[in-house]
């Protein structure tokens, strides 16, 4: 909101531009005290990790298009195969995986 004057009881509905998520109240009302009915919300970019890929001769614990920050997936190899690389990878705050996808040999 700008510093323009707002009349008492004015209600505003806030939103964020594409790729961002509103954190806080969506609707605010100007109170008789001159304050808003809730703290001013903020817009944050939505980050997530993309599906890391398919392990040939193996499997992944959870198959989704996107994974939330902090989410972990686990890889396993088919019987008789050996996992090369990390068995678990985590979606980091940078929206990148903590390690390269492993392979089965």
PDB file of N, CA and C in Angstrom:
ATOM      1  N   UNK A   1       0.844  -1.176   0.000  1.00  0.00           N
ATOM      2  CA  UNK A   1       0.000   0.000   0.000  1.00  0.00           C
ATOM      3  C   UNK A   1       0.887   1.237   0.000  1.00  0.00           C
ATOM      4  N   UNK A   2       0.444   2.262  -0.645  1.00  0.00           N
ATOM      5  CA  UNK A   2       1.187   3.523  -0.662  1.00  0.00           C
ATOM      6  C   UNK A   2       0.783   4.360   0.546  1.00  0.00           C
ATOM      7  N   UNK A   3       1.394   5.509   0.706  1.00  0.00           N
ATOM      8  CA  UNK A   3       1.117   6.367   1.853  1.00  0.00           C
ATOM      9  C   UNK A   3      -0.072   7.293   1.611  1.00  0.00           C
ATOM     10  N   UNK A   4      -0.879   7.035   0.599  1.00  0.00           N
ATOM     11  CA  UNK A   4      -2.066   7.847   0.335  1.00  0.00           C
ATOM     12  C   UNK A   4      -3.067   7.665   1.471  1.00  0.00           C
ATOM     13  N   UNK A   5      -3.907   8.682   1.675  1.00  0.00           N
ATOM     14  CA  UNK A   5      -4.920   8.585   2.715  1.00  0.00           C
ATOM     15  C   UNK A   5      -5.974   7.568   2.310  1.00  0.00           C
ATOM     16  N   UNK A   6      -6.455   6.828   3.305  1.00  0.00           N
ATOM     17  CA  UNK A   6      -7.495   5.838   3.087  1.00  0.00           C
ATOM     18  C   UNK A   6      -8.608   6.114   4.082  1.00  0.00           C
ATOM     19  N   UNK A   7      -9.846   6.114   3.629  1.00  0.00           N
ATOM     20  CA  UNK A   7     -10.987   6.391   4.499  1.00  0.00           C
ATOM     21  C   UNK A   7     -11.232   5.228   5.447  1.00  0.00           C
ATOM     22  N   UNK A   8     -11.721   5.571   6.646  1.00  0.00           N
ATOM     23  CA  UNK A   8     -12.064   4.567   7.638  1.00  0.00           C
ATOM     24  C   UNK A   8     -13.082   3.585   7.042  1.00  0.00           C
ATOM     25  N   UNK A   9     -12.950   2.332   7.396  1.00  0.00           N
ATOM     26  CA  UNK A   9     -13.807   1.224   6.950  1.00  0.00           C
ATOM     27  C   UNK A   9     -13.553   0.798   5.509  1.00  0.00           C
ATOM     28  N   UNK A  10     -12.581   1.421   4.849  1.00  0.00           N
ATOM     29  CA  UNK A  10     -12.226   0.984   3.497  1.00  0.00           C
ATOM     30  C   UNK A  10     -11.639  -0.422   3.586  1.00  0.00           C
ATOM     31  N   UNK A  11     -12.114  -1.282   2.711  1.00  0.00           N
ATOM     32  CA  UNK A  11     -11.612  -2.658   2.674  1.00  0.00           C
ATOM     33  C   UNK A  11     -10.794  -2.830   1.398  1.00  0.00           C
ATOM     34  N   UNK A  12      -9.610  -3.414   1.527  1.00  0.00           N
ATOM     35  CA  UNK A  12      -8.776  -3.692   0.358  1.00  0.00           C
ATOM     36  C   UNK A  12      -8.528  -5.191   0.267  1.00  0.00           C
ATOM     37  N   UNK A  13      -8.459  -5.683  -0.948  1.00  0.00           N
ATOM     38  CA  UNK A  13      -8.147  -7.087  -1.206  1.00  0.00           C
ATOM     39  C   UNK A  13      -6.811  -7.102  -1.931  1.00  0.00           C
ATOM     40  N   UNK A  14      -5.846  -7.813  -1.365  1.00  0.00           N
ATOM     41  CA  UNK A  14      -4.486  -7.816  -1.894  1.00  0.00           C
ATOM     42  C   UNK A  14      -4.167  -9.124  -2.596  1.00  0.00           C
ATOM     43  N   UNK A  15      -3.277  -9.049  -3.563  1.00  0.00           N
ATOM     44  CA  UNK A  15      -2.801 -10.248  -4.258  1.00  0.00           C
ATOM     45  C   UNK A  15      -1.376  -9.994  -4.720  1.00  0.00           C
ATOM     46  N   UNK A  16      -0.726 -11.044  -5.155  1.00  0.00           N
ATOM     47  CA  UNK A  16       0.655 -10.956  -5.638  1.00  0.00           C
ATOM     48  C   UNK A  16       0.694 -11.268  -7.129  1.00  0.00           C
ATOM     49  N   UNK A  17       1.755 -10.832  -7.778  1.00  0.00           N
ATOM     50  CA  UNK A  17       1.929 -11.117  -9.200  1.00  0.00           C
ATOM     51  C   UNK A  17       2.260 -12.593  -9.399  1.00  0.00           C
ATOM     52  N   UNK A  18       2.224 -13.035 -10.637  1.00  0.00           N
ATOM     53  CA  UNK A  18       2.495 -14.443 -10.970  1.00  0.00           C
ATOM     54  C   UNK A  18       3.810 -14.922 -10.381  1.00  0.00           C
ATOM     55  N   UNK A  19       3.800 -16.153  -9.926  1.00  0.00           N
ATOM     56  CA  UNK A  19       5.012 -16.743  -9.379  1.00  0.00           C
ATOM     57  C   UNK A  19       5.258 -16.394  -7.931  1.00  0.00           C
ATOM     58  N   UNK A  20       4.354 -15.620  -7.328  1.00  0.00           N
ATOM     59  CA  UNK A  20       4.504 -15.240  -5.931  1.00  0.00           C
ATOM     60  C   UNK A  20       3.274 -15.650  -5.141  1.00  0.00           C
ATOM     61  N   UNK A  21       3.469 -15.858  -3.847  1.00  0.00           N
ATOM     62  CA  UNK A  21       2.388 -16.271  -2.968  1.00  0.00           C
ATOM     63  C   UNK A  21       2.239 -15.250  -1.850  1.00  0.00           C
ATOM     64  N   UNK A  22       0.996 -14.889  -1.527  1.00  0.00           N
ATOM     65  CA  UNK A  22       0.727 -13.915  -0.473  1.00  0.00           C
ATOM     66  C   UNK A  22       0.816 -14.602   0.883  1.00  0.00           C
ATOM     67  N   UNK A  23       1.661 -14.086   1.747  1.00  0.00           N
ATOM     68  CA  UNK A  23       1.819 -14.616   3.097  1.00  0.00           C
ATOM     69  C   UNK A  23       1.186 -13.607   4.047  1.00  0.00           C
ATOM     70  N   UNK A  24       0.060 -13.968   4.641  1.00  0.00           N
ATOM     71  CA  UNK A  24      -0.666 -13.078   5.535  1.00  0.00           C
ATOM     72  C   UNK A  24      -2.102 -12.910   5.075  1.00  0.00           C
ATOM     73  N   UNK A  25      -2.771 -11.896   5.646  1.00  0.00           N
ATOM     74  CA  UNK A  25      -4.184 -11.649   5.346  1.00  0.00           C
ATOM     75  C   UNK A  25      -4.362 -11.132   3.919  1.00  0.00           C
ATOM     76  N   UNK A  26      -5.389 -11.644   3.250  1.00  0.00           N
ATOM     77  CA  UNK A  26      -5.698 -11.201   1.886  1.00  0.00           C
ATOM     78  C   UNK A  26      -6.572  -9.948   1.907  1.00  0.00           C
ATOM     79  N   UNK A  27      -7.419  -9.842   2.937  1.00  0.00           N
ATOM     80  CA  UNK A  27      -8.335  -8.706   3.064  1.00  0.00           C
ATOM     81  C   UNK A  27      -7.930  -7.865   4.267  1.00  0.00           C
ATOM     82  N   UNK A  28      -7.835  -6.555   4.085  1.00  0.00           N
ATOM     83  CA  UNK A  28      -7.525  -5.633   5.177  1.00  0.00           C
ATOM     84  C   UNK A  28      -8.580  -4.536   5.203  1.00  0.00           C
ATOM     85  N   UNK A  29      -8.889  -4.064   6.414  1.00  0.00           N
ATOM     86  CA  UNK A  29      -9.848  -2.983   6.589  1.00  0.00           C
ATOM     87  C   UNK A  29      -9.188  -1.866   7.380  1.00  0.00           C
ATOM     88  N   UNK A  30      -9.449  -0.623   6.976  1.00  0.00           N
ATOM     89  CA  UNK A  30      -8.929   0.533   7.703  1.00  0.00           C
ATOM     90  C   UNK A  30      -9.806   0.746   8.939  1.00  0.00           C
ATOM     91  N   UNK A  31      -9.202   0.647  10.117  1.00  0.00           N
ATOM     92  CA  UNK A  31      -9.921   0.764  11.387  1.00  0.00           C
ATOM     93  C   UNK A  31     -10.044   2.225  11.827  1.00  0.00           C
ATOM     94  N   UNK A  32     -10.976   2.524  12.762  1.00  0.00           N
ATOM     95  CA  UNK A  32     -11.120   3.891  13.273  1.00  0.00           C
ATOM     96  C   UNK A  32      -9.825   4.451  13.868  1.00  0.00           C
ATOM     97  N   UNK A  33      -8.957   3.575  14.342  1.00  0.00           N
ATOM     98  CA  UNK A  33      -7.674   4.003  14.921  1.00  0.00           C
ATOM     99  C   UNK A  33      -6.692   4.492  13.856  1.00  0.00           C
ATOM    100  N   UNK A  34      -7.013   4.228  12.592  1.00  0.00           N
ATOM    101  CA  UNK A  34      -6.109   4.592  11.503  1.00  0.00           C
ATOM    102  C   UNK A  34      -5.159   3.470  11.126  1.00  0.00           C
ATOM    103  N   UNK A  35      -5.257   2.356  11.826  1.00  0.00           N
ATOM    104  CA  UNK A  35      -4.422   1.182  11.535  1.00  0.00           C
ATOM    105  C   UNK A  35      -5.202   0.201  10.671  1.00  0.00           C
ATOM    106  N   UNK A  36      -4.477  -0.712  10.055  1.00  0.00           N
ATOM    107  CA  UNK A  36      -5.114  -1.776   9.290  1.00  0.00           C
ATOM    108  C   UNK A  36      -5.523  -2.898  10.230  1.00  0.00           C
ATOM    109  N   UNK A  37      -6.506  -3.679   9.837  1.00  0.00           N
ATOM    110  CA  UNK A  37      -7.061  -4.751  10.663  1.00  0.00           C
ATOM    111  C   UNK A  37      -6.106  -5.920  10.873  1.00  0.00           C
ATOM    112  N   UNK A  38      -5.064  -5.996  10.106  1.00  0.00           N
ATOM    113  CA  UNK A  38      -4.069  -7.071  10.226  1.00  0.00           C
ATOM    114  C   UNK A  38      -2.734  -6.524   9.733  1.00  0.00           C
ATOM    115  N   UNK A  39      -1.637  -7.187  10.102  1.00  0.00           N
ATOM    116  CA  UNK A  39      -0.334  -6.753   9.581  1.00  0.00           C
ATOM    117  C   UNK A  39      -0.311  -6.830   8.053  1.00  0.00           C
ATOM    118  N   UNK A  40       0.457  -5.958   7.443  1.00  0.00           N
ATOM    119  CA  UNK A  40       0.568  -5.934   5.985  1.00  0.00           C
ATOM    120  C   UNK A  40       1.215  -7.244   5.516  1.00  0.00           C
ATOM    121  N   UNK A  41       0.575  -7.965   4.603  1.00  0.00           N
ATOM    122  CA  UNK A  41       1.156  -9.216   4.112  1.00  0.00           C
ATOM    123  C   UNK A  41       2.348  -8.949   3.196  1.00  0.00           C
ATOM    124  N   UNK A  42       3.072 -10.010   2.892  1.00  0.00           N
ATOM    125  CA  UNK A  42       4.215  -9.903   1.985  1.00  0.00           C
ATOM    126  C   UNK A  42       4.056 -10.926   0.864  1.00  0.00           C
ATOM    127  N   UNK A  43       4.695 -10.650  -0.258  1.00  0.00           N
ATOM    128  CA  UNK A  43       4.704 -11.579  -1.386  1.00  0.00           C
ATOM    129  C   UNK A  43       6.043 -12.309  -1.402  1.00  0.00           C
ATOM    130  N   UNK A  44       5.985 -13.619  -1.490  1.00  0.00           N
ATOM    131  CA  UNK A  44       7.206 -14.421  -1.568  1.00  0.00           C
ATOM    132  C   UNK A  44       7.137 -15.301  -2.801  1.00  0.00           C
ATOM    133  N   UNK A  45       8.287 -15.495  -3.415  1.00  0.00           N
ATOM    134  CA  UNK A  45       8.313 -16.368  -4.586  1.00  0.00           C
ATOM    135  C   UNK A  45       8.106 -17.810  -4.140  1.00  0.00           C
ATOM    136  N   UNK A  46       7.375 -18.535  -4.950  1.00  0.00           N
ATOM    137  CA  UNK A  46       7.106 -19.938  -4.663  1.00  0.00           C
ATOM    138  C   UNK A  46       8.217 -20.750  -5.302  1.00  0.00           C
ATOM    139  N   UNK A  47       8.904 -21.502  -4.495  1.00  0.00           N
ATOM    140  CA  UNK A  47      10.004 -22.314  -5.010  1.00  0.00           C
ATOM    141  C   UNK A  47       9.725 -23.781  -4.718  1.00  0.00           C
ATOM    142  N   UNK A  48      10.125 -24.608  -5.639  1.00  0.00           N
ATOM    143  CA  UNK A  48       9.969 -26.047  -5.492  1.00  0.00           C
ATOM    144  C   UNK A  48      10.979 -26.722  -6.408  1.00  0.00           C
ATOM    145  N   UNK A  49      11.276 -27.966  -6.109  1.00  0.00           N
ATOM    146  CA  UNK A  49      12.176 -28.761  -6.953  1.00  0.00           C
ATOM    147  C   UNK A  49      11.344 -29.566  -7.946  1.00  0.00           C
ATOM    148  N   UNK A  50      11.834 -29.662  -9.149  1.00  0.00           N
ATOM    149  CA  UNK A  50      11.178 -30.471 -10.178  1.00  0.00           C
ATOM    150  C   UNK A  50      11.488 -31.950  -9.942  1.00  0.00           C
ATOM    151  N   UNK A  51      10.693 -32.805 -10.538  1.00  0.00           N
ATOM    152  CA  UNK A  51      10.913 -34.252 -10.456  1.00  0.00           C
ATOM    153  C   UNK A  51      12.360 -34.550 -10.840  1.00  0.00           C
ATOM    154  N   UNK A  52      13.111 -35.267  -9.987  1.00  0.00           N
ATOM    155  CA  UNK A  52      14.536 -35.472 -10.254  1.00  0.00           C
ATOM    156  C   UNK A  52      14.843 -36.427 -11.397  1.00  0.00           C
ATOM    157  N   UNK A  53      13.895 -37.263 -11.776  1.00  0.00           N
ATOM    158  CA  UNK A  53      14.127 -38.187 -12.882  1.00  0.00           C
ATOM    159  C   UNK A  53      13.923 -39.633 -12.482  1.00  0.00           C
ATOM    160  N   UNK A  54      13.970 -40.488 -13.467  1.00  0.00           N
ATOM    161  CA  UNK A  54      13.766 -41.919 -13.260  1.00  0.00           C
ATOM    162  C   UNK A  54      15.103 -42.633 -13.193  1.00  0.00           C
ATOM    163  N   UNK A  55      15.227 -43.522 -12.237  1.00  0.00           N
ATOM    164  CA  UNK A  55      16.440 -44.330 -12.100  1.00  0.00           C
ATOM    165  C   UNK A  55      16.227 -45.609 -12.902  1.00  0.00           C
ATOM    166  N   UNK A  56      17.077 -45.851 -13.885  1.00  0.00           N
ATOM    167  CA  UNK A  56      16.980 -47.081 -14.673  1.00  0.00           C
ATOM    168  C   UNK A  56      17.342 -48.247 -13.765  1.00  0.00           C
ATOM    169  N   UNK A  57      16.528 -49.277 -13.772  1.00  0.00           N
ATOM    170  CA  UNK A  57      16.686 -50.465 -12.918  1.00  0.00           C
ATOM    171  C   UNK A  57      16.532 -50.119 -11.441  1.00  0.00           C
ATOM    172  N   UNK A  58      15.683 -49.127 -11.164  1.00  0.00           N
ATOM    173  CA  UNK A  58      15.457 -48.731  -9.779  1.00  0.00           C
ATOM    174  C   UNK A  58      14.131 -48.015  -9.622  1.00  0.00           C
ATOM    175  N   UNK A  59      13.928 -47.459  -8.422  1.00  0.00           N
ATOM    176  CA  UNK A  59      12.680 -46.757  -8.134  1.00  0.00           C
ATOM    177  C   UNK A  59      12.934 -45.554  -7.232  1.00  0.00           C
ATOM    178  N   UNK A  60      11.943 -44.675  -7.175  1.00  0.00           N
ATOM    179  CA  UNK A  60      11.987 -43.484  -6.327  1.00  0.00           C
ATOM    180  C   UNK A  60      10.800 -43.574  -5.366  1.00  0.00           C
ATOM    181  N   UNK A  61      10.973 -43.075  -4.147  1.00  0.00           N
ATOM    182  CA  UNK A  61       9.949 -43.218  -3.110  1.00  0.00           C
ATOM    183  C   UNK A  61       8.673 -42.434  -3.383  1.00  0.00           C
ATOM    184  N   UNK A  62       8.750 -41.347  -4.123  1.00  0.00           N
ATOM    185  CA  UNK A  62       7.584 -40.501  -4.357  1.00  0.00           C
ATOM    186  C   UNK A  62       7.689 -39.863  -5.738  1.00  0.00           C
ATOM    187  N   UNK A  63       6.680 -40.088  -6.575  1.00  0.00           N
ATOM    188  CA  UNK A  63       6.691 -39.533  -7.927  1.00  0.00           C
ATOM    189  C   UNK A  63       5.681 -38.390  -7.998  1.00  0.00           C
ATOM    190  N   UNK A  64       6.187 -37.164  -8.199  1.00  0.00           N
ATOM    191  CA  UNK A  64       5.343 -35.968  -8.313  1.00  0.00           C
ATOM    192  C   UNK A  64       5.985 -35.023  -9.322  1.00  0.00           C
ATOM    193  N   UNK A  65       5.223 -34.043  -9.772  1.00  0.00           N
ATOM    194  CA  UNK A  65       5.786 -33.031 -10.666  1.00  0.00           C
ATOM    195  C   UNK A  65       6.728 -32.113  -9.897  1.00  0.00           C
ATOM    196  N   UNK A  66       6.308 -31.703  -8.674  1.00  0.00           N
ATOM    197  CA  UNK A  66       7.095 -30.773  -7.871  1.00  0.00           C
ATOM    198  C   UNK A  66       7.189 -31.253  -6.433  1.00  0.00           C
ATOM    199  N   UNK A  67       8.292 -30.905  -5.778  1.00  0.00           N
ATOM    200  CA  UNK A  67       8.544 -31.279  -4.392  1.00  0.00           C
ATOM    201  C   UNK A  67       8.796 -30.011  -3.585  1.00  0.00           C
ATOM    202  N   UNK A  68       8.217 -29.931  -2.394  1.00  0.00           N
ATOM    203  CA  UNK A  68       8.371 -28.759  -1.541  1.00  0.00           C
ATOM    204  C   UNK A  68       9.788 -28.662  -0.995  1.00  0.00           C
ATOM    205  N   UNK A  69      10.189 -27.429  -0.667  1.00  0.00           N
ATOM    206  CA  UNK A  69      11.488 -27.193  -0.041  1.00  0.00           C
ATOM    207  C   UNK A  69      11.554 -28.043   1.232  1.00  0.00           C
ATOM    208  N   UNK A  70      12.644 -28.751   1.419  1.00  0.00           N
ATOM    209  CA  UNK A  70      12.823 -29.606   2.589  1.00  0.00           C
ATOM    210  C   UNK A  70      12.365 -31.041   2.391  1.00  0.00           C
ATOM    211  N   UNK A  71      11.625 -31.298   1.325  1.00  0.00           N
ATOM    212  CA  UNK A  71      11.135 -32.652   1.070  1.00  0.00           C
ATOM    213  C   UNK A  71      12.281 -33.548   0.605  1.00  0.00           C
ATOM    214  N   UNK A  72      12.239 -34.803   1.016  1.00  0.00           N
ATOM    215  CA  UNK A  72      13.282 -35.777   0.698  1.00  0.00           C
ATOM    216  C   UNK A  72      12.687 -36.921  -0.113  1.00  0.00           C
ATOM    217  N   UNK A  73      13.443 -37.408  -1.085  1.00  0.00           N
ATOM    218  CA  UNK A  73      13.054 -38.613  -1.817  1.00  0.00           C
ATOM    219  C   UNK A  73      14.166 -39.648  -1.664  1.00  0.00           C
ATOM    220  N   UNK A  74      13.767 -40.906  -1.729  1.00  0.00           N
ATOM    221  CA  UNK A  74      14.721 -42.005  -1.555  1.00  0.00           C
ATOM    222  C   UNK A  74      14.713 -42.882  -2.798  1.00  0.00           C
ATOM    223  N   UNK A  75      15.895 -43.325  -3.178  1.00  0.00           N
ATOM    224  CA  UNK A  75      16.057 -44.179  -4.351  1.00  0.00           C
ATOM    225  C   UNK A  75      16.444 -45.587  -3.921  1.00  0.00           C
ATOM    226  N   UNK A  76      15.944 -46.572  -4.648  1.00  0.00           N
ATOM    227  CA  UNK A  76      16.301 -47.973  -4.434  1.00  0.00           C
ATOM    228  C   UNK A  76      16.559 -48.613  -5.786  1.00  0.00           C
ATOM    229  N   UNK A  77      17.418 -49.615  -5.781  1.00  0.00           N
ATOM    230  CA  UNK A  77      17.716 -50.350  -7.011  1.00  0.00           C
ATOM    231  C   UNK A  77      16.993 -51.687  -7.014  1.00  0.00           C
ATOM    232  N   UNK A  78      16.736 -52.180  -8.209  1.00  0.00           N
ATOM    233  CA  UNK A  78      16.137 -53.502  -8.353  1.00  0.00           C
ATOM    234  C   UNK A  78      17.084 -54.544  -7.764  1.00  0.00           C
ATOM    235  N   UNK A  79      16.530 -55.693  -7.435  1.00  0.00           N
ATOM    236  CA  UNK A  79      17.324 -56.781  -6.849  1.00  0.00           C
ATOM    237  C   UNK A  79      18.503 -57.128  -7.760  1.00  0.00           C
ATOM    238  N   UNK A  80      19.668 -57.263  -7.167  1.00  0.00           N
ATOM    239  CA  UNK A  80      20.876 -57.594  -7.908  1.00  0.00           C
ATOM    240  C   UNK A  80      21.630 -56.381  -8.424  1.00  0.00           C
ATOM    241  N   UNK A  81      21.066 -55.190  -8.265  1.00  0.00           N
ATOM    242  CA  UNK A  81      21.722 -53.951  -8.704  1.00  0.00           C
ATOM    243  C   UNK A  81      22.245 -53.202  -7.485  1.00  0.00           C
ATOM    244  N   UNK A  82      23.285 -52.374  -7.709  1.00  0.00           N
ATOM    245  CA  UNK A  82      23.906 -51.606  -6.627  1.00  0.00           C
ATOM    246  C   UNK A  82      23.702 -50.121  -6.885  1.00  0.00           C
ATOM    247  N   UNK A  83      23.303 -49.389  -5.837  1.00  0.00           N
ATOM    248  CA  UNK A  83      23.085 -47.948  -5.942  1.00  0.00           C
ATOM    249  C   UNK A  83      24.419 -47.217  -5.956  1.00  0.00           C
ATOM    250  N   UNK A  84      24.603 -46.343  -6.928  1.00  0.00           N
ATOM    251  CA  UNK A  84      25.813 -45.526  -7.036  1.00  0.00           C
ATOM    252  C   UNK A  84      25.386 -44.074  -6.823  1.00  0.00           C
ATOM    253  N   UNK A  85      25.812 -43.482  -5.718  1.00  0.00           N
ATOM    254  CA  UNK A  85      25.417 -42.118  -5.375  1.00  0.00           C
ATOM    255  C   UNK A  85      24.586 -42.103  -4.113  1.00  0.00           C
ATOM    256  N   UNK A  86      24.014 -40.949  -3.815  1.00  0.00           N
ATOM    257  CA  UNK A  86      23.226 -40.774  -2.591  1.00  0.00           C
ATOM    258  C   UNK A  86      21.897 -41.516  -2.690  1.00  0.00           C
ATOM    259  N   UNK A  87      21.535 -42.234  -1.629  1.00  0.00           N
ATOM    260  CA  UNK A  87      20.258 -42.949  -1.618  1.00  0.00           C
ATOM    261  C   UNK A  87      19.094 -41.999  -1.342  1.00  0.00           C
ATOM    262  N   UNK A  88      19.376 -40.861  -0.686  1.00  0.00           N
ATOM    263  CA  UNK A  88      18.349 -39.854  -0.403  1.00  0.00           C
ATOM    264  C   UNK A  88      18.849 -38.499  -0.873  1.00  0.00           C
ATOM    265  N   UNK A  89      17.950 -37.726  -1.475  1.00  0.00           N
ATOM    266  CA  UNK A  89      18.285 -36.351  -1.834  1.00  0.00           C
ATOM    267  C   UNK A  89      17.183 -35.443  -1.290  1.00  0.00           C
ATOM    268  N   UNK A  90      17.550 -34.199  -1.002  1.00  0.00           N
ATOM    269  CA  UNK A  90      16.634 -33.253  -0.359  1.00  0.00           C
ATOM    270  C   UNK A  90      16.467 -32.015  -1.243  1.00  0.00           C
ATOM    271  N   UNK A  91      15.254 -31.493  -1.294  1.00  0.00           N
ATOM    272  CA  UNK A  91      14.972 -30.256  -2.031  1.00  0.00           C
ATOM    273  C   UNK A  91      15.438 -29.074  -1.177  1.00  0.00           C
ATOM    274  N   UNK A  92      16.439 -28.346  -1.682  1.00  0.00           N
ATOM    275  CA  UNK A  92      17.040 -27.234  -0.947  1.00  0.00           C
ATOM    276  C   UNK A  92      16.268 -25.929  -1.158  1.00  0.00           C
ATOM    277  N   UNK A  93      16.550 -24.925  -0.330  1.00  0.00           N
ATOM    278  CA  UNK A  93      15.895 -23.615  -0.432  1.00  0.00           C
ATOM    279  C   UNK A  93      16.121 -22.955  -1.787  1.00  0.00           C
ATOM    280  N   UNK A  94      17.159 -23.370  -2.479  1.00  0.00           N
ATOM    281  CA  UNK A  94      17.472 -22.829  -3.805  1.00  0.00           C
ATOM    282  C   UNK A  94      16.643 -23.485  -4.908  1.00  0.00           C
ATOM    283  N   UNK A  95      15.759 -24.416  -4.528  1.00  0.00           N
ATOM    284  CA  UNK A  95      14.936 -25.195  -5.462  1.00  0.00           C
ATOM    285  C   UNK A  95      15.791 -26.141  -6.299  1.00  0.00           C
ATOM    286  N   UNK A  96      16.930 -26.531  -5.767  1.00  0.00           N
ATOM    287  CA  UNK A  96      17.822 -27.516  -6.392  1.00  0.00           C
ATOM    288  C   UNK A  96      17.918 -28.716  -5.458  1.00  0.00           C
ATOM    289  N   UNK A  97      18.239 -29.874  -6.022  1.00  0.00           N
ATOM    290  CA  UNK A  97      18.416 -31.076  -5.213  1.00  0.00           C
ATOM    291  C   UNK A  97      19.786 -31.068  -4.549  1.00  0.00           C
ATOM    292  N   UNK A  98      19.881 -31.681  -3.366  1.00  0.00           N
ATOM    293  CA  UNK A  98      21.117 -31.681  -2.578  1.00  0.00           C
ATOM    294  C   UNK A  98      22.240 -32.474  -3.229  1.00  0.00           C
ATOM    295  N   UNK A  99      21.919 -33.427  -4.073  1.00  0.00           N
ATOM    296  CA  UNK A  99      22.920 -34.244  -4.774  1.00  0.00           C
ATOM    297  C   UNK A  99      22.394 -34.589  -6.158  1.00  0.00           C
ATOM    298  N   UNK A 100      23.305 -35.042  -6.992  1.00  0.00           N
ATOM    299  CA  UNK A 100      22.897 -35.529  -8.314  1.00  0.00           C
ATOM    300  C   UNK A 100      22.083 -36.808  -8.125  1.00  0.00           C
ATOM    301  N   UNK A 101      21.240 -37.100  -9.085  1.00  0.00           N
ATOM    302  CA  UNK A 101      20.451 -38.319  -9.019  1.00  0.00           C
ATOM    303  C   UNK A 101      21.378 -39.527  -9.104  1.00  0.00           C
ATOM    304  N   UNK A 102      21.167 -40.536  -8.261  1.00  0.00           N
ATOM    305  CA  UNK A 102      22.022 -41.720  -8.304  1.00  0.00           C
ATOM    306  C   UNK A 102      21.684 -42.604  -9.505  1.00  0.00           C
ATOM    307  N   UNK A 103      22.448 -43.659  -9.657  1.00  0.00           N
ATOM    308  CA  UNK A 103      22.180 -44.637 -10.713  1.00  0.00           C
ATOM    309  C   UNK A 103      22.291 -46.035 -10.120  1.00  0.00           C
ATOM    310  N   UNK A 104      21.821 -47.003 -10.852  1.00  0.00           N
ATOM    311  CA  UNK A 104      21.907 -48.400 -10.431  1.00  0.00           C
ATOM    312  C   UNK A 104      22.791 -49.143 -11.425  1.00  0.00           C
ATOM    313  N   UNK A 105      23.742 -49.917 -10.900  1.00  0.00           N
ATOM    314  CA  UNK A 105      24.630 -50.673 -11.795  1.00  0.00           C
ATOM    315  C   UNK A 105      24.737 -52.111 -11.349  1.00  0.00           C
TER     316      UNK A 105
END
